[in-house]
Protein backbone atom coordinates (compact mmCIF):
# COMPACT_ATOMS: atom_id res chain seq x y z
CA UNK A 1 -3.88 -19.32 -5.65
CA UNK A 2 -1.15 -19.03 -3.01
CA UNK A 3 0.26 -22.16 -1.49
CA UNK A 4 0.94 -22.05 2.25
CA UNK A 5 4.59 -23.06 2.68
CA UNK A 6 4.82 -22.60 6.44
CA UNK A 7 2.85 -21.45 9.44
CA UNK A 8 5.03 -19.69 11.99
CA UNK A 9 4.49 -18.64 15.55
CA UNK A 10 5.18 -15.00 16.33
CA UNK A 11 6.33 -13.47 19.62
CA UNK A 12 2.63 -12.71 20.16
CA UNK A 13 0.90 -15.91 21.33
CA UNK A 14 -2.35 -14.67 19.76
CA UNK A 15 -0.89 -14.24 16.24
CA UNK A 16 0.31 -16.64 13.56
CA UNK A 17 2.18 -15.82 10.38
CA UNK A 18 1.50 -17.69 7.15
CA UNK A 19 4.39 -17.86 4.68
CA UNK A 20 3.16 -18.26 1.11
CA UNK A 21 4.85 -19.85 -1.87
CA UNK A 22 4.17 -16.85 -4.08
CA UNK A 23 3.58 -13.17 -3.37
CA UNK A 24 0.09 -12.00 -2.55
CA UNK A 25 1.09 -8.36 -3.09
CA UNK A 26 4.01 -6.70 -4.79
CA UNK A 27 5.48 -5.08 -1.68
CA UNK A 28 2.20 -3.41 -0.72
CA UNK A 29 1.28 -3.64 2.97
CA UNK A 30 -2.34 -4.12 4.00
CA UNK A 31 -3.39 -3.73 7.65
CA UNK A 32 -6.92 -4.24 9.00
CA UNK A 33 -8.01 -3.95 12.62
CA UNK A 34 -11.66 -4.88 12.16
CA UNK A 35 -14.14 -6.21 9.63
CA UNK A 36 -15.39 -2.71 8.73
CA UNK A 37 -11.91 -1.69 7.57
CA UNK A 38 -11.71 -4.92 5.55
CA UNK A 39 -15.04 -4.43 3.80
CA UNK A 40 -13.43 -3.86 0.37
CA UNK A 41 -10.64 -6.44 0.71
CA UNK A 42 -11.79 -9.93 -0.25
CA UNK A 43 -9.07 -11.83 1.66
CA UNK A 44 -9.25 -9.79 4.86
CA UNK A 45 -13.05 -9.85 4.82
CA UNK A 46 -13.10 -13.65 4.49
CA UNK A 47 -10.67 -13.97 7.41
CA UNK A 48 -12.69 -11.62 9.62
CA UNK A 49 -15.76 -13.77 8.88
CA UNK A 50 -14.04 -16.48 10.97
CA UNK A 51 -14.89 -16.27 14.65
CA UNK A 52 -12.11 -14.98 16.93
CA UNK A 53 -10.12 -13.14 14.19
CA UNK A 54 -9.38 -9.58 15.36
CA UNK A 55 -6.58 -8.42 13.02
CA UNK A 56 -5.30 -9.19 9.52
CA UNK A 57 -1.95 -7.90 8.23
CA UNK A 58 -0.31 -8.92 4.99
CA UNK A 59 2.51 -7.99 2.64
CA UNK A 60 4.32 -9.89 -0.12
CA UNK A 61 4.42 -13.58 0.87
CA UNK A 62 3.30 -13.08 4.47
CA UNK A 63 -0.11 -13.00 6.13
CA UNK A 64 -0.44 -12.49 9.87
CA UNK A 65 -3.73 -13.27 11.57
CA UNK A 66 -4.34 -12.28 15.18
CA UNK A 67 -7.06 -13.89 17.27
CA UNK A 68 -8.80 -12.72 20.42
CA UNK A 69 -7.13 -15.35 22.63
CA UNK A 70 -10.30 -17.43 22.98
CA UNK A 71 -9.63 -19.94 20.19
CA UNK A 72 -7.47 -23.04 20.07
CA UNK A 73 -4.89 -22.48 17.35
CA UNK A 74 -5.07 -26.00 15.92
CA UNK A 75 -8.81 -25.55 15.28
CA UNK A 76 -8.54 -21.96 14.08
CA UNK A 77 -5.72 -22.77 11.62
CA UNK A 78 -7.94 -25.32 9.88
CA UNK A 79 -10.54 -22.56 9.31
CA UNK A 80 -7.99 -19.94 8.20
CA UNK A 81 -6.18 -22.09 5.65
CA UNK A 82 -8.94 -22.37 2.97
CA UNK A 83 -9.51 -18.61 2.46
CA UNK A 84 -5.76 -18.02 2.41
CA UNK A 85 -5.28 -20.77 -0.19
CA UNK A 86 -8.15 -19.32 -2.26
CA UNK A 87 -6.82 -15.75 -2.17
CA UNK A 88 -5.96 -14.23 -5.51
CA UNK A 89 -2.64 -12.41 -5.86
CA UNK A 90 -3.15 -8.64 -5.81
CA UNK A 91 -0.02 -7.53 -7.63
CA UNK A 92 -1.62 -4.35 -9.00
CA UNK A 93 -2.45 -2.83 -5.59
CA UNK A 94 -1.12 0.58 -4.73
CA UNK A 95 0.22 1.22 -1.26
CA UNK A 96 -2.13 2.78 1.26
CA UNK A 97 -0.22 6.01 1.76
CA UNK A 98 -1.03 6.01 5.45
CA UNK A 99 -0.05 2.44 6.28
CA UNK A 100 3.31 3.47 7.85
CA UNK A 101 2.67 7.12 8.67
CA UNK A 102 -0.26 9.52 8.66
CA UNK A 103 -0.53 12.17 5.95
CA UNK A 104 0.49 14.76 8.55
CA UNK A 105 3.73 12.85 9.22
CA UNK A 106 4.47 12.22 5.53
CA UNK A 107 3.94 15.89 4.63
CA UNK A 108 5.81 17.34 7.61
CA UNK A 109 8.72 19.70 7.32
CA UNK A 110 9.82 18.76 10.87
CA UNK A 111 13.29 17.24 10.36
CA UNK A 112 12.87 15.16 13.54
CA UNK A 113 9.84 13.36 12.16
CA UNK A 114 11.56 12.83 8.82
CA UNK A 115 14.61 11.33 10.55
CA UNK A 116 12.46 9.18 12.85
CA UNK A 117 10.44 7.77 9.96
CA UNK A 118 13.61 6.98 8.00
CA UNK A 119 15.19 5.36 11.06
CA UNK A 120 12.06 3.23 11.60
CA UNK A 121 12.10 2.19 7.92
CA UNK A 122 15.73 1.12 8.13
CA UNK A 123 16.13 -0.23 11.66
CA UNK A 124 12.74 -1.21 13.11
CA UNK A 125 10.06 -2.05 10.54
CA UNK A 126 12.04 -4.90 8.89
CA UNK A 127 12.34 -6.64 12.27
CA UNK A 128 8.68 -6.09 13.11
CA UNK A 129 7.72 -7.51 9.71
CA UNK A 130 9.80 -10.61 10.45
CA UNK A 131 7.65 -11.04 13.56
CA UNK A 132 4.42 -10.56 11.59
CA UNK A 133 3.70 -6.88 12.19
CA UNK A 134 4.46 -3.26 11.56
CA UNK A 135 4.46 0.22 13.03
CA UNK A 136 2.64 3.40 12.01
CA UNK A 137 3.62 6.88 13.13
CA UNK A 138 0.53 8.85 14.08
CA UNK A 139 2.23 12.14 14.83
CA UNK A 140 4.36 14.24 17.10
CA UNK A 141 2.45 16.20 19.70
CA UNK A 142 4.99 18.48 21.35
CA UNK A 143 7.62 16.00 22.47
CA UNK A 144 5.31 12.98 22.44
CA UNK A 145 5.68 10.70 19.43
CA UNK A 146 2.52 8.64 18.97
CA UNK A 147 2.94 5.26 17.30
CA UNK A 148 0.53 2.45 16.56
CA UNK A 149 1.57 -1.20 16.30
CA UNK A 150 0.08 -3.28 13.46
CA UNK A 151 -0.43 -6.98 12.83
CA UNK A 152 1.02 -9.36 15.41
CA UNK A 153 2.66 -6.41 17.16
CA UNK A 154 -0.71 -4.79 17.90
CA UNK A 155 -1.59 -6.99 20.85
CA UNK A 156 1.87 -8.34 21.65
CA UNK A 157 2.99 -7.84 25.25
CA UNK A 158 6.65 -7.33 24.23
CA UNK A 159 5.75 -4.60 21.71
CA UNK A 160 4.34 -2.29 24.35
CA UNK A 161 7.27 -2.85 26.66
CA UNK A 162 10.64 -3.95 25.28
CA UNK A 163 10.20 -2.88 21.67
CA UNK A 164 8.70 0.46 22.64
CA UNK A 165 11.66 1.21 24.93
CA UNK A 166 14.11 0.23 22.19
CA UNK A 167 12.37 2.55 19.73
CA UNK A 168 12.37 5.36 22.30
CA UNK A 169 16.11 4.97 22.91
CA UNK A 170 16.76 5.21 19.14
CA UNK A 171 14.47 8.24 18.87
CA UNK A 172 16.30 9.92 21.77
CA UNK A 173 19.45 9.96 19.60
CA UNK A 174 17.51 12.25 17.26
CA UNK A 175 15.96 14.34 20.07
CA UNK A 176 16.54 13.45 23.73
CA UNK A 177 13.32 15.18 24.77
CA UNK A 178 10.98 12.93 22.77
CA UNK A 179 8.86 10.38 24.61
CA UNK A 180 7.34 7.54 22.54
CA UNK A 181 3.84 6.34 23.38
CA UNK A 182 1.86 3.52 21.83
CA UNK A 183 -1.81 4.19 21.08
């Protein structure tokens, strides 16, 4: 049973990050955008059963819960804490192969996509994780790189503006013609 050590605000006012005393997963990232996706995940399902929860993202000792903006955090936190405390560590999970990039991106022979994914792994995803979220590459359509924000980043106003522009400027070092769009 994980102990909640801290509850942290994220740059997204609609998301909170729970820091646990012990790992929930062994480096495996889980990202759910609705209750249907969480149907087979006991923790995520129990969190989606709480009114106003719209996103659950967790990895290692961190769980980020995003609400719809219609709840008062002090009240919602009291409802979120029990299922998080009751969660069982899932140290035998295998990574969802498409959590950071689609199969198309992972299997590509396009050196630009390979470089972009590596750059995101090294220079962007660790910072997004620190803010309670992540980033998935959906694909490269011509010169348009499609990305999808996860966790707290999914509905964060700064993700779709400042962070997106920062990612695009890094990507332009790989190929100046690429435009990054968030979907």
